[in-house]
């Protein structure tokens, strides 16, 4: 079991320690950070979430029993008028914990926040096409692929393509019913 709690300055060192390469940083965060990830960059990032009616909610993922930090997730581009947002910067930090269903739990918790607490109508995300485990996780949670954006990000001499995926509030409600929750 996991819990999401607000990302704080006390979480900076753990997150910095998980990001060990420019490619992982780019895959996780796009262009908002540069490698190596620094406290200064994270201060600016956190500041954007600390304002009233922030358009971003940033969470640290903790193991419910041990209270150890095990991940990071964000709900960004929160548009209260159009009732939409984007899940981004999803990371199960320790590599030894990947592939154990934690990502699925993280997605379910952030969907609960978005659809239940914020009463959003639509939540979307982008995922690189080579990240098959993340795509499987999102599809299992009920996300639908809307399209492939070909060669939209450049890292080194290589271009990466990404899928846009989304879920609507009524689809989430139906998935909750079928899960018995």
Protein backbone atom coordinates (compact mmCIF):
# COMPACT_ATOMS: atom_id res chain seq x y z
CA UNK A 1 0.00 0.00 0.00
CA UNK A 2 1.09 3.53 -0.73
CA UNK A 3 0.17 7.07 0.25
CA UNK A 4 0.55 10.31 -1.66
CA UNK A 5 1.65 13.33 0.33
CA UNK A 6 2.67 16.81 -0.69
CA UNK A 7 6.17 17.03 -2.14
CA UNK A 8 8.42 19.08 0.20
CA UNK A 9 11.97 20.35 0.34
CA UNK A 10 12.78 17.33 2.49
CA UNK A 11 12.12 15.14 -0.57
CA UNK A 12 14.66 16.88 -2.82
CA UNK A 13 17.66 14.68 -2.06
CA UNK A 14 15.74 11.46 -2.64
CA UNK A 15 14.44 12.62 -6.00
CA UNK A 16 17.85 13.89 -7.07
CA UNK A 17 19.35 10.51 -6.15
CA UNK A 18 16.89 8.63 -8.38
CA UNK A 19 17.70 10.66 -11.51
CA UNK A 20 21.03 9.19 -12.61
CA UNK A 21 21.21 10.06 -16.30
CA UNK A 22 20.19 12.80 -18.75
CA UNK A 23 18.00 10.29 -20.61
CA UNK A 24 16.08 9.32 -17.45
CA UNK A 25 15.65 12.97 -16.49
CA UNK A 26 14.32 13.78 -19.95
CA UNK A 27 12.02 10.76 -19.97
CA UNK A 28 10.67 11.66 -16.53
CA UNK A 29 10.50 15.46 -16.76
CA UNK A 30 10.77 16.60 -20.35
CA UNK A 31 12.44 19.96 -20.69
CA UNK A 32 11.60 21.61 -17.36
CA UNK A 33 14.86 20.44 -15.78
CA UNK A 34 18.44 20.04 -16.96
CA UNK A 35 20.87 17.34 -15.91
CA UNK A 36 22.06 17.06 -13.27
CA UNK A 37 18.90 17.78 -11.30
CA UNK A 38 19.64 20.35 -8.56
CA UNK A 39 18.08 21.78 -5.43
CA UNK A 40 17.77 25.15 -7.19
CA UNK A 41 15.70 23.61 -10.00
CA UNK A 42 13.49 21.80 -7.50
CA UNK A 43 12.98 25.00 -5.48
CA UNK A 44 11.56 26.71 -8.58
CA UNK A 45 9.44 23.64 -9.38
CA UNK A 46 8.00 23.47 -5.86
CA UNK A 47 7.34 27.21 -5.76
CA UNK A 48 4.90 26.85 -8.69
CA UNK A 49 2.84 24.39 -6.63
CA UNK A 50 2.72 26.51 -3.48
CA UNK A 51 0.52 29.31 -4.82
CA UNK A 52 -3.24 29.50 -4.21
CA UNK A 53 -5.21 27.70 -6.93
CA UNK A 54 -1.96 26.22 -8.24
CA UNK A 55 -2.07 24.61 -11.66
CA UNK A 56 0.18 21.80 -10.38
CA UNK A 57 -0.06 19.42 -7.44
CA UNK A 58 3.17 17.56 -6.68
CA UNK A 59 3.28 14.41 -4.58
CA UNK A 60 5.84 12.17 -2.99
CA UNK A 61 4.82 8.53 -2.88
CA UNK A 62 5.43 6.75 0.42
CA UNK A 63 5.17 3.14 1.45
CA UNK A 64 2.27 3.14 3.94
CA UNK A 65 4.03 0.93 6.46
CA UNK A 66 7.66 2.02 6.37
CA UNK A 67 6.96 5.66 5.42
CA UNK A 68 9.93 5.44 3.02
CA UNK A 69 9.87 7.57 -0.11
CA UNK A 70 9.37 5.31 -3.10
CA UNK A 71 8.13 7.57 -5.87
CA UNK A 72 6.98 10.84 -7.30
CA UNK A 73 3.89 11.91 -9.27
CA UNK A 74 2.33 15.16 -10.39
CA UNK A 75 -1.04 16.45 -11.56
CA UNK A 76 -0.21 19.38 -13.82
CA UNK A 77 -1.92 21.84 -16.14
CA UNK A 78 -4.95 21.85 -13.86
CA UNK A 79 -7.63 23.80 -15.70
CA UNK A 80 -10.52 24.35 -13.31
CA UNK A 81 -12.71 26.05 -15.93
CA UNK A 82 -12.50 23.16 -18.40
CA UNK A 83 -12.10 20.59 -15.59
CA UNK A 84 -9.00 18.96 -17.03
CA UNK A 85 -5.45 18.13 -16.00
CA UNK A 86 -2.41 16.11 -17.02
CA UNK A 87 -0.63 13.40 -15.04
CA UNK A 88 3.10 13.79 -15.43
CA UNK A 89 6.50 13.16 -13.85
CA UNK A 90 5.53 9.65 -12.74
CA UNK A 91 8.44 7.77 -11.22
CA UNK A 92 8.85 4.71 -9.05
CA UNK A 93 12.21 5.76 -7.66
CA UNK A 94 14.12 2.72 -6.46
CA UNK A 95 14.69 0.46 -9.47
CA UNK A 96 14.21 -2.61 -7.26
CA UNK A 97 10.56 -1.61 -6.72
CA UNK A 98 9.66 -1.23 -10.37
CA UNK A 99 7.37 -3.83 -11.91
CA UNK A 100 5.64 -4.60 -8.60
CA UNK A 101 2.34 -2.74 -9.14
CA UNK A 102 3.35 0.46 -7.35
CA UNK A 103 2.89 2.52 -10.51
CA UNK A 104 -0.65 1.19 -10.83
CA UNK A 105 -1.42 2.23 -7.25
CA UNK A 106 0.08 5.67 -7.88
CA UNK A 107 -2.12 6.18 -10.93
CA UNK A 108 -5.26 5.06 -9.10
CA UNK A 109 -4.53 7.47 -6.22
CA UNK A 110 -3.87 10.44 -8.50
CA UNK A 111 -7.04 9.66 -10.48
CA UNK A 112 -9.00 9.68 -7.21
CA UNK A 113 -7.60 13.12 -6.42
CA UNK A 114 -8.35 14.44 -9.90
CA UNK A 115 -11.81 13.01 -10.42
CA UNK A 116 -13.10 12.83 -6.84
CA UNK A 117 -11.50 15.76 -5.04
CA UNK A 118 -11.05 18.21 -7.93
CA UNK A 119 -14.12 17.03 -9.86
CA UNK A 120 -12.23 16.98 -13.16
CA UNK A 121 -13.87 15.80 -16.36
CA UNK A 122 -10.72 14.73 -18.24
CA UNK A 123 -7.24 13.61 -17.23
CA UNK A 124 -4.59 13.00 -19.85
CA UNK A 125 -0.96 11.99 -19.97
CA UNK A 126 1.87 11.58 -22.45
CA UNK A 127 4.13 8.55 -22.49
CA UNK A 128 7.05 7.69 -24.75
CA UNK A 129 6.20 4.87 -27.14
CA UNK A 130 9.13 2.73 -26.00
CA UNK A 131 7.96 2.77 -22.36
CA UNK A 132 5.85 -0.36 -22.74
CA UNK A 133 5.55 -1.06 -19.01
CA UNK A 134 4.13 2.42 -18.36
CA UNK A 135 1.73 2.11 -21.32
CA UNK A 136 0.49 -1.23 -19.95
CA UNK A 137 0.05 0.34 -16.49
CA UNK A 138 -1.98 3.23 -17.88
CA UNK A 139 -4.14 1.00 -20.05
CA UNK A 140 -4.81 -1.29 -17.09
CA UNK A 141 -5.97 1.78 -15.15
CA UNK A 142 -8.41 2.59 -17.98
CA UNK A 143 -6.56 5.15 -20.09
CA UNK A 144 -7.23 5.14 -23.82
CA UNK A 145 -4.59 5.90 -26.46
CA UNK A 146 -5.66 8.93 -28.45
CA UNK A 147 -2.78 9.09 -30.86
CA UNK A 148 0.91 8.81 -31.51
CA UNK A 149 2.93 12.01 -31.82
CA UNK A 150 5.87 10.98 -33.96
CA UNK A 151 9.41 12.24 -33.38
CA UNK A 152 8.37 15.07 -31.05
CA UNK A 153 11.29 15.03 -28.61
CA UNK A 154 14.98 15.01 -29.43
CA UNK A 155 17.60 13.56 -27.12
CA UNK A 156 21.11 13.44 -28.47
CA UNK A 157 20.85 12.48 -32.12
CA UNK A 158 17.66 10.48 -31.62
CA UNK A 159 13.98 11.45 -31.81
CA UNK A 160 11.40 10.00 -29.45
CA UNK A 161 7.69 9.56 -30.19
CA UNK A 162 4.97 9.65 -27.57
CA UNK A 163 1.41 8.54 -27.08
CA UNK A 164 -1.26 10.85 -25.74
CA UNK A 165 -3.65 8.92 -23.52
CA UNK A 166 -6.70 10.08 -21.61
CA UNK A 167 -9.53 9.10 -19.32
CA UNK A 168 -12.86 10.83 -18.77
CA UNK A 169 -14.65 11.07 -15.46
CA UNK A 170 -17.49 8.73 -16.48
CA UNK A 171 -14.93 6.12 -17.65
CA UNK A 172 -13.20 6.38 -14.27
CA UNK A 173 -16.53 5.97 -12.45
CA UNK A 174 -17.32 2.85 -14.50
CA UNK A 175 -13.87 1.40 -13.78
CA UNK A 176 -14.39 2.01 -10.05
CA UNK A 177 -17.68 0.11 -10.23
CA UNK A 178 -16.12 -2.81 -12.07
CA UNK A 179 -13.30 -2.90 -9.50
CA UNK A 180 -15.88 -3.01 -6.72
CA UNK A 181 -14.52 0.22 -5.17
